[in-house]
C-alpha atoms as a PDB file:
ATOM      1  CA  MET A   1      -0.104  -0.164  -0.037  1.00  0.00           C
ATOM      2  CA  THR A   2       1.319   3.463  -0.799  1.00  0.00           C
ATOM      3  CA  ALA A   3       0.790   6.607   1.642  1.00  0.00           C
ATOM      4  CA  GLY A   4      -2.988   7.603   1.886  1.00  0.00           C
ATOM      5  CA  GLU A   5      -4.155   4.074   0.479  1.00  0.00           C
ATOM      6  CA  LEU A   6      -6.777   2.408   2.522  1.00  0.00           C
ATOM      7  CA  ALA A   7      -6.759  -1.308   3.212  1.00  0.00           C
ATOM      8  CA  HIS A   8      -9.642  -3.005   1.424  1.00  0.00           C
ATOM      9  CA  PRO A   9     -10.620  -6.867   1.553  1.00  0.00           C
ATOM     10  CA  PRO A  10      -9.918  -8.605  -1.987  1.00  0.00           C
ATOM     11  CA  ALA A  11     -13.260  -9.470  -3.686  1.00  0.00           C
ATOM     12  CA  GLU A  12     -12.612 -13.226  -3.417  1.00  0.00           C
ATOM     13  CA  GLU A  13     -12.543 -12.779   0.483  1.00  0.00           C
ATOM     14  CA  LEU A  14     -15.844 -10.956   0.821  1.00  0.00           C
ATOM     15  CA  GLU A  15     -18.151 -12.682   3.031  1.00  0.00           C
ATOM     16  CA  VAL A  16     -21.928 -12.126   3.455  1.00  0.00           C
ATOM     17  CA  GLY A  17     -21.752 -11.954   7.548  1.00  0.00           C
ATOM     18  CA  PRO A  18     -19.770  -8.772   7.793  1.00  0.00           C
ATOM     19  CA  ILE A  19     -21.816  -7.222   4.954  1.00  0.00           C
ATOM     20  CA  LEU A  20     -25.023  -8.008   6.336  1.00  0.00           C
ATOM     21  CA  LEU A  21     -23.658  -6.650   9.761  1.00  0.00           C
ATOM     22  CA  ALA A  22     -22.590  -3.323   8.205  1.00  0.00           C
ATOM     23  CA  LEU A  23     -25.939  -3.013   6.574  1.00  0.00           C
ATOM     24  CA  ALA A  24     -27.933  -3.321   9.853  1.00  0.00           C
ATOM     25  CA  ASP A  25     -27.242   0.172  10.587  1.00  0.00           C
ATOM     26  CA  ALA A  26     -29.891   2.334   8.897  1.00  0.00           C
ATOM     27  CA  ASN A  27     -27.447   5.362   8.111  1.00  0.00           C
ATOM     28  CA  ARG A  28     -24.780   2.789   6.593  1.00  0.00           C
ATOM     29  CA  ARG A  29     -28.060   1.216   4.338  1.00  0.00           C
ATOM     30  CA  ARG A  30     -28.411   4.964   3.409  1.00  0.00           C
ATOM     31  CA  VAL A  31     -25.404   5.518   2.388  1.00  0.00           C
ATOM     32  CA  VAL A  32     -25.302   2.315   0.321  1.00  0.00           C
ATOM     33  CA  ALA A  33     -28.657   3.080  -1.312  1.00  0.00           C
ATOM     34  CA  GLU A  34     -27.314   6.403  -2.410  1.00  0.00           C
ATOM     35  CA  LEU A  35     -24.083   5.157  -3.889  1.00  0.00           C
ATOM     36  CA  ALA A  36     -26.098   2.322  -5.542  1.00  0.00           C
ATOM     37  CA  GLU A  37     -28.116   5.436  -7.451  1.00  0.00           C
ATOM     38  CA  ARG A  38     -24.859   6.053  -9.476  1.00  0.00           C
ATOM     39  CA  PRO A  39     -22.449   2.822  -8.851  1.00  0.00           C
ATOM     40  CA  ASP A  40     -19.884   4.175 -11.282  1.00  0.00           C
ATOM     41  CA  GLU A  41     -19.258   7.703  -9.459  1.00  0.00           C
ATOM     42  CA  GLU A  42     -17.098   8.257  -6.802  1.00  0.00           C
ATOM     43  CA  ARG A  43     -18.638  10.507  -4.055  1.00  0.00           C
ATOM     44  CA  LEU A  44     -17.105  12.688  -1.455  1.00  0.00           C
ATOM     45  CA  CYS A  45     -17.532  11.257   1.932  1.00  0.00           C
ATOM     46  CA  ALA A  46     -18.422  14.524   3.530  1.00  0.00           C
ATOM     47  CA  SER A  47     -21.273  14.990   0.914  1.00  0.00           C
ATOM     48  CA  PHE A  48     -23.254  12.481   2.942  1.00  0.00           C
ATOM     49  CA  GLU A  49     -25.914  13.914   5.108  1.00  0.00           C
ATOM     50  CA  LEU A  50     -26.094  11.772   8.232  1.00  0.00           C
ATOM     51  CA  PRO A  51     -27.350  12.992  11.586  1.00  0.00           C
ATOM     52  CA  VAL A  52     -24.256  11.840  13.346  1.00  0.00           C
ATOM     53  CA  SER A  53     -21.079  13.318  14.798  1.00  0.00           C
ATOM     54  CA  LYS A  54     -17.825  13.351  12.784  1.00  0.00           C
ATOM     55  CA  SER A  55     -16.104  10.526  14.736  1.00  0.00           C
ATOM     56  CA  SER A  56     -19.639   8.486  14.103  1.00  0.00           C
ATOM     57  CA  ARG A  57     -19.201   9.022  10.473  1.00  0.00           C
ATOM     58  CA  THR A  58     -15.714   7.967  10.238  1.00  0.00           C
ATOM     59  CA  ARG A  59     -16.699   4.775  11.940  1.00  0.00           C
ATOM     60  CA  HIS A  60     -19.528   4.331   9.549  1.00  0.00           C
ATOM     61  CA  TRP A  61     -16.948   4.699   6.714  1.00  0.00           C
ATOM     62  CA  ARG A  62     -14.558   2.024   8.192  1.00  0.00           C
ATOM     63  CA  VAL A  63     -17.164  -0.173   8.633  1.00  0.00           C
ATOM     64  CA  LEU A  64     -18.373   0.078   5.162  1.00  0.00           C
ATOM     65  CA  ARG A  65     -14.797  -0.340   3.622  1.00  0.00           C
ATOM     66  CA  GLU A  66     -13.756  -3.333   5.948  1.00  0.00           C
ATOM     67  CA  ALA A  67     -17.005  -4.964   5.328  1.00  0.00           C
ATOM     68  CA  GLY A  68     -16.113  -4.832   1.325  1.00  0.00           C
ATOM     69  CA  LEU A  69     -19.133  -2.798   0.415  1.00  0.00           C
ATOM     70  CA  VAL A  70     -17.381   0.330  -0.778  1.00  0.00           C
ATOM     71  CA  TYR A  71     -13.896   1.463  -1.804  1.00  0.00           C
ATOM     72  CA  GLN A  72     -12.301   4.311  -0.282  1.00  0.00           C
ATOM     73  CA  ARG A  73      -9.634   6.676  -1.394  1.00  0.00           C
ATOM     74  CA  ASP A  74      -7.834   9.536   0.280  1.00  0.00           C
ATOM     75  CA  ALA A  75      -7.199  12.276  -1.957  1.00  0.00           C
ATOM     76  CA  GLY A  76      -5.455  14.574   0.843  1.00  0.00           C
ATOM     77  CA  ASN A  77      -8.193  17.206   0.647  1.00  0.00           C
ATOM     78  CA  GLY A  78     -10.762  14.677   1.063  1.00  0.00           C
ATOM     79  CA  LEU A  79     -11.958  11.136   1.392  1.00  0.00           C
ATOM     80  CA  TYR A  80     -13.931   9.611  -1.595  1.00  0.00           C
ATOM     81  CA  MET A  81     -15.903   6.596  -1.843  1.00  0.00           C
ATOM     82  CA  ARG A  82     -17.627   4.330  -4.274  1.00  0.00           C
ATOM     83  CA  LEU A  83     -19.935   1.263  -3.964  1.00  0.00           C
ATOM     84  CA  ARG A  84     -17.771  -2.009  -4.999  1.00  0.00           C
ATOM     85  CA  LYS A  85     -20.759  -3.073  -7.167  1.00  0.00           C
ATOM     86  CA  GLU A  86     -18.994  -5.321  -9.410  1.00  0.00           C
ATOM     87  CA  ASP A  87     -17.189  -7.213  -6.671  1.00  0.00           C
ATOM     88  CA  LEU A  88     -20.558  -7.448  -4.858  1.00  0.00           C
ATOM     89  CA  ASP A  89     -22.620  -8.262  -7.823  1.00  0.00           C
ATOM     90  CA  ARG A  90     -20.122 -11.078  -8.648  1.00  0.00           C
ATOM     91  CA  ARG A  91     -19.685 -12.651  -5.365  1.00  0.00           C
ATOM     92  CA  PHE A  92     -23.543 -12.069  -3.979  1.00  0.00           C
ATOM     93  CA  PRO A  93     -25.723 -11.629  -7.208  1.00  0.00           C
ATOM     94  CA  GLY A  94     -28.819  -9.440  -6.179  1.00  0.00           C
ATOM     95  CA  LEU A  95     -27.835  -8.393  -2.807  1.00  0.00           C
ATOM     96  CA  ILE A  96     -27.335  -4.647  -3.250  1.00  0.00           C
ATOM     97  CA  GLN A  97     -30.788  -4.813  -5.402  1.00  0.00           C
ATOM     98  CA  ALA A  98     -32.557  -6.376  -2.639  1.00  0.00           C
ATOM     99  CA  ILE A  99     -31.183  -4.058   0.420  1.00  0.00           C
ATOM    100  CA  THR A 100     -31.913  -1.036  -1.548  1.00  0.00           C
ATOM    101  CA  ALA A 101     -35.263  -2.251  -2.547  1.00  0.00           C
ATOM    102  CA  ALA A 102     -36.270  -2.837   1.194  1.00  0.00           C
ATOM    103  CA  ASP A 103     -35.742   0.574   2.566  1.00  0.00           C
END
């Protein structure tokens, strides 16, 4: 890893348990749903309107990243994320559609 690069689980190691635990939180489901609307776009983490403190937001981003739901990139002036849609669709077909349809 280079400076500023964050750790992400490899696609072949993604597991449904950590993903479902990450999605148990309504704020994280909302973030995933918003990212799923435009899965090819990266979004500034600060652009999400969550009713929580900055430290809680940071924890939410880490949980989503470590579960393998999002890819994050530190650009120095901000943290960006995008949904790992291709990886998730390959490992768990239909999961993202089912989660976003349920809310």
